[in-house]
């Protein structure tokens, strides 16, 4: 069986499983980013009174979208 290895930009060699780990990590990062964007958009569409009912102000939206409700 032949293993395909691709060097990192730094020249450090990788193993075949390292490339798969990178690709899976990249996919997970993209999914996480899309989830944050969806939460942000959902909160941004709410009115100020709806945000107040949730205990939020408009300037809290980026923090809540990224980290959740805890300060």
N, C-alpha and C. Protein backbone atom coordinates (compact mmCIF):
# COMPACT_ATOMS: atom_id res chain seq x y z
N UNK A 1 0.85 -1.17 0.00
CA UNK A 1 0.00 0.00 0.00
C UNK A 1 0.89 1.24 0.00
N UNK A 2 0.53 2.22 -0.79
CA UNK A 2 1.30 3.44 -0.89
C UNK A 2 0.64 4.53 -0.05
N UNK A 3 1.45 5.30 0.66
CA UNK A 3 0.95 6.40 1.47
C UNK A 3 1.33 7.70 0.81
N UNK A 4 0.36 8.56 0.66
CA UNK A 4 0.59 9.87 0.09
C UNK A 4 0.93 10.83 1.21
N UNK A 5 2.04 11.51 1.10
CA UNK A 5 2.40 12.52 2.09
C UNK A 5 2.58 13.84 1.38
N UNK A 6 2.11 14.88 2.03
CA UNK A 6 2.24 16.22 1.49
C UNK A 6 2.93 17.07 2.53
N UNK A 7 3.91 17.86 2.14
CA UNK A 7 4.61 18.68 3.13
C UNK A 7 3.76 19.87 3.57
N UNK A 8 3.96 20.28 4.84
CA UNK A 8 3.37 21.52 5.31
C UNK A 8 4.08 22.67 4.61
N UNK A 9 3.49 23.86 4.59
CA UNK A 9 4.20 24.99 4.00
C UNK A 9 5.57 25.22 4.64
N UNK A 10 5.73 24.82 5.90
CA UNK A 10 7.01 24.98 6.58
C UNK A 10 8.02 23.94 6.12
N UNK A 11 7.59 22.96 5.34
CA UNK A 11 8.48 21.91 4.88
C UNK A 11 8.46 20.67 5.75
N UNK A 12 7.75 20.73 6.88
CA UNK A 12 7.65 19.59 7.79
C UNK A 12 6.80 18.51 7.13
N UNK A 13 7.27 17.27 7.05
CA UNK A 13 6.47 16.22 6.40
C UNK A 13 5.25 15.83 7.23
N UNK A 14 4.25 15.32 6.57
CA UNK A 14 3.04 14.84 7.26
C UNK A 14 2.87 13.36 6.99
N UNK A 15 2.02 12.75 7.72
CA UNK A 15 1.64 11.37 7.50
C UNK A 15 0.26 11.38 6.84
N UNK A 16 -0.13 10.29 6.24
CA UNK A 16 -1.43 10.21 5.60
C UNK A 16 -2.57 10.55 6.53
N UNK A 17 -2.51 10.08 7.78
CA UNK A 17 -3.59 10.35 8.74
C UNK A 17 -3.59 11.82 9.15
N UNK A 18 -2.45 12.49 9.09
CA UNK A 18 -2.38 13.91 9.43
C UNK A 18 -3.20 14.75 8.47
N UNK A 19 -3.18 14.37 7.20
CA UNK A 19 -3.97 15.09 6.21
C UNK A 19 -5.46 14.90 6.50
N UNK A 20 -5.84 13.69 6.84
CA UNK A 20 -7.25 13.44 7.17
C UNK A 20 -7.67 14.22 8.40
N UNK A 21 -6.81 14.25 9.42
CA UNK A 21 -7.13 15.02 10.62
C UNK A 21 -7.30 16.50 10.27
N UNK A 22 -6.42 17.00 9.42
CA UNK A 22 -6.53 18.39 8.99
C UNK A 22 -7.86 18.63 8.28
N UNK A 23 -8.23 17.75 7.36
CA UNK A 23 -9.46 17.93 6.60
C UNK A 23 -10.69 17.83 7.50
N UNK A 24 -10.68 16.89 8.44
CA UNK A 24 -11.80 16.78 9.38
C UNK A 24 -11.88 18.01 10.27
N UNK A 25 -10.72 18.51 10.71
CA UNK A 25 -10.70 19.73 11.51
C UNK A 25 -11.19 20.93 10.73
N UNK A 26 -10.80 21.00 9.47
CA UNK A 26 -11.27 22.08 8.62
C UNK A 26 -12.78 22.02 8.46
N UNK A 27 -13.32 20.84 8.23
CA UNK A 27 -14.77 20.67 8.10
C UNK A 27 -15.48 21.07 9.39
N UNK A 28 -14.93 20.68 10.53
CA UNK A 28 -15.54 21.03 11.82
C UNK A 28 -15.50 22.54 12.03
N UNK A 29 -14.41 23.17 11.64
CA UNK A 29 -14.31 24.62 11.77
C UNK A 29 -15.31 25.34 10.90
N UNK A 30 -15.51 24.85 9.70
CA UNK A 30 -16.50 25.46 8.80
C UNK A 30 -17.90 25.30 9.37
N UNK A 31 -18.21 24.10 9.90
CA UNK A 31 -19.53 23.89 10.51
C UNK A 31 -19.74 24.82 11.70
N UNK A 32 -18.71 24.97 12.54
CA UNK A 32 -18.82 25.86 13.70
C UNK A 32 -19.04 27.31 13.26
N UNK A 33 -18.30 27.73 12.25
CA UNK A 33 -18.47 29.09 11.74
C UNK A 33 -19.86 29.35 11.19
N UNK A 34 -20.40 28.38 10.48
CA UNK A 34 -21.76 28.52 9.95
C UNK A 34 -22.79 28.56 11.07
N UNK A 35 -22.56 27.79 12.13
CA UNK A 35 -23.48 27.81 13.28
C UNK A 35 -23.44 29.16 13.98
N UNK A 36 -22.26 29.74 14.15
CA UNK A 36 -22.14 31.07 14.76
C UNK A 36 -22.85 32.10 13.90
N UNK A 37 -22.65 32.04 12.59
CA UNK A 37 -23.29 32.99 11.68
C UNK A 37 -24.81 32.86 11.75
N UNK A 38 -25.32 31.63 11.84
CA UNK A 38 -26.77 31.42 11.93
C UNK A 38 -27.32 32.00 13.24
N UNK A 39 -26.61 31.78 14.37
CA UNK A 39 -27.05 32.35 15.65
C UNK A 39 -27.05 33.87 15.59
N UNK A 40 -25.99 34.44 15.02
CA UNK A 40 -25.90 35.90 14.90
C UNK A 40 -27.06 36.44 14.08
N UNK A 41 -27.31 35.84 12.92
CA UNK A 41 -28.40 36.31 12.06
C UNK A 41 -29.76 36.21 12.76
N UNK A 42 -29.97 35.12 13.48
CA UNK A 42 -31.24 34.93 14.19
C UNK A 42 -31.43 36.02 15.25
N UNK A 43 -30.38 36.31 16.00
CA UNK A 43 -30.48 37.34 17.04
C UNK A 43 -30.58 38.73 16.42
N UNK A 44 -29.87 38.97 15.34
CA UNK A 44 -29.89 40.30 14.71
C UNK A 44 -31.25 40.64 14.14
N UNK A 45 -32.03 39.63 13.78
CA UNK A 45 -33.37 39.87 13.24
C UNK A 45 -34.40 40.22 14.32
N UNK A 46 -34.07 39.96 15.59
CA UNK A 46 -35.01 40.26 16.67
C UNK A 46 -35.09 41.77 16.90
N UNK A 47 -36.24 42.21 17.37
CA UNK A 47 -36.40 43.63 17.72
C UNK A 47 -35.72 43.89 19.06
N UNK A 48 -35.53 45.17 19.36
CA UNK A 48 -34.91 45.53 20.64
C UNK A 48 -35.74 45.04 21.82
N UNK A 49 -37.05 45.07 21.71
CA UNK A 49 -37.89 44.59 22.82
C UNK A 49 -37.78 43.07 22.97
N UNK A 50 -37.68 42.34 21.86
CA UNK A 50 -37.49 40.89 21.95
C UNK A 50 -36.14 40.56 22.59
N UNK A 51 -35.11 41.32 22.22
CA UNK A 51 -33.79 41.11 22.83
C UNK A 51 -33.84 41.41 24.32
N UNK A 52 -34.56 42.48 24.70
CA UNK A 52 -34.68 42.84 26.12
C UNK A 52 -35.37 41.72 26.90
N UNK A 53 -36.36 41.07 26.30
CA UNK A 53 -37.02 39.94 26.97
C UNK A 53 -36.05 38.80 27.23
N UNK A 54 -35.05 38.69 26.39
CA UNK A 54 -34.02 37.66 26.58
C UNK A 54 -32.90 38.15 27.50
N UNK A 55 -32.99 39.39 27.95
CA UNK A 55 -31.96 39.96 28.81
C UNK A 55 -30.74 40.41 28.03
N UNK A 56 -30.94 40.76 26.77
CA UNK A 56 -29.82 41.17 25.91
C UNK A 56 -30.04 42.56 25.35
N UNK A 57 -28.94 43.17 24.99
CA UNK A 57 -28.97 44.42 24.23
C UNK A 57 -28.33 44.13 22.88
N UNK A 58 -28.55 45.02 21.94
CA UNK A 58 -28.05 44.79 20.58
C UNK A 58 -26.53 44.59 20.56
N UNK A 59 -25.80 45.30 21.42
CA UNK A 59 -24.34 45.15 21.43
C UNK A 59 -23.88 43.82 22.03
N UNK A 60 -24.79 43.06 22.65
CA UNK A 60 -24.46 41.73 23.18
C UNK A 60 -24.50 40.64 22.12
N UNK A 61 -25.08 40.93 20.96
CA UNK A 61 -25.30 39.90 19.95
C UNK A 61 -24.00 39.20 19.51
N UNK A 62 -22.92 39.92 19.18
CA UNK A 62 -21.71 39.19 18.75
C UNK A 62 -21.15 38.26 19.84
N UNK A 63 -21.15 38.74 21.09
CA UNK A 63 -20.63 37.91 22.19
C UNK A 63 -21.49 36.66 22.39
N UNK A 64 -22.80 36.84 22.37
CA UNK A 64 -23.71 35.72 22.59
C UNK A 64 -23.62 34.73 21.43
N UNK A 65 -23.50 35.24 20.23
CA UNK A 65 -23.40 34.35 19.07
C UNK A 65 -22.14 33.49 19.14
N UNK A 66 -21.05 34.06 19.63
CA UNK A 66 -19.79 33.34 19.72
C UNK A 66 -19.70 32.42 20.93
N UNK A 67 -20.06 32.93 22.10
CA UNK A 67 -19.77 32.21 23.34
C UNK A 67 -20.96 31.72 24.12
N UNK A 68 -22.14 32.17 23.79
CA UNK A 68 -23.31 31.80 24.58
C UNK A 68 -23.70 32.93 25.49
N UNK A 69 -24.64 32.67 26.39
CA UNK A 69 -25.21 33.74 27.20
C UNK A 69 -24.36 34.18 28.39
N UNK A 70 -23.47 33.34 28.86
CA UNK A 70 -22.69 33.69 30.06
C UNK A 70 -21.68 34.77 29.75
N UNK A 71 -21.49 35.68 30.68
CA UNK A 71 -20.52 36.76 30.51
C UNK A 71 -19.19 36.37 31.06
